[in-house]
């Protein structure tokens, strides 16, 4: 992906001279209106009636986040132990950056993660019975009864929710120092923007004992239900870091003793046995574009997968799984 050129400062006018002020009207200057006649917006907050103060704040906090009108008297969050019909307040999410996670594996993994702050749990009758059986005991969060049609409305008809949805805050991002204390290789993703690909990579990372996955702060998907569904619970297992500058992060990894390997078809053959005594940071680029130039140049070496068949390339999530297997099989 081509990097955007920096914004150029605004150009000065061609004449190079400041514009002249507008001449006064022939009819003479207008007299200033008395203070009492000025528009209401010009009055200070202390001049407004007590009932009007903070009104804009209340409007913003009461505004529904997903477009449905908020029902009069509906609380922002259900009380503990309270079971409600979801028809009237299904989309009134609490304030903050909470996201809806859905599907059996993501919901079970999030409910079992003590690092998650749980907000709401929506279940159909069938899903509640299945979830209670899978978790082997009472649920850590009181469920709210709903049905599939309402979940379709909330999450979209393409979401495979399996009758359950969990509203939870995003996980806290660990530091690089904390990640380096964990065993296993590290995955670095260079501008991979598809949440399904990132989720599938997280699933492979959990399967092959990856210490962490590092994404860019920009040009990378946020933690969403789509990503969590593709990760199939791995989002709760594999720490995810977001780096402002990926090249500097690679330099920091090398300083910590990791051998950085960029995965690219133009490199030498990826041989797991050659890295038996080294800890590897595997770097993957976006499909089509591959590794960016600076990222590629910062890597210690470039290696590719051996593919003797008719296809010349793999989906990036599939390539990640094959490369991780090669690294850990020995």
Foldseek 3Di string as FASTA:
>chain_A
DDDDDDDDDDDDDPVPDDDDDDDDDPVDDDDDDDPVPDDPVPDDPVPDDPVPPCPVVVVVQLDFPPDDHQDPPDDLADDAPDADECPRPVRSHHDDDWAKAADQQLVLLLQPQPQKDWGAKEFEPVRVVVNCVVNVHDGPGDHYYYDDVVVCVRPNVVDPRVGMMTIIHQGDADDPVVLVVADAAEEEEALAADLLLQLLLLLLCVVLVHSAYEYAPPSYDDDHNNNSVSVSSSSSPHHYHHHPDVLVVLVVVVVVFAQEEEEDPPFAAQAQVVCPPHHYYYYWYYPPVTDDPSNQVSGPGYHYHDDPDDDDDDHRSVRSNVSSCRNRVD
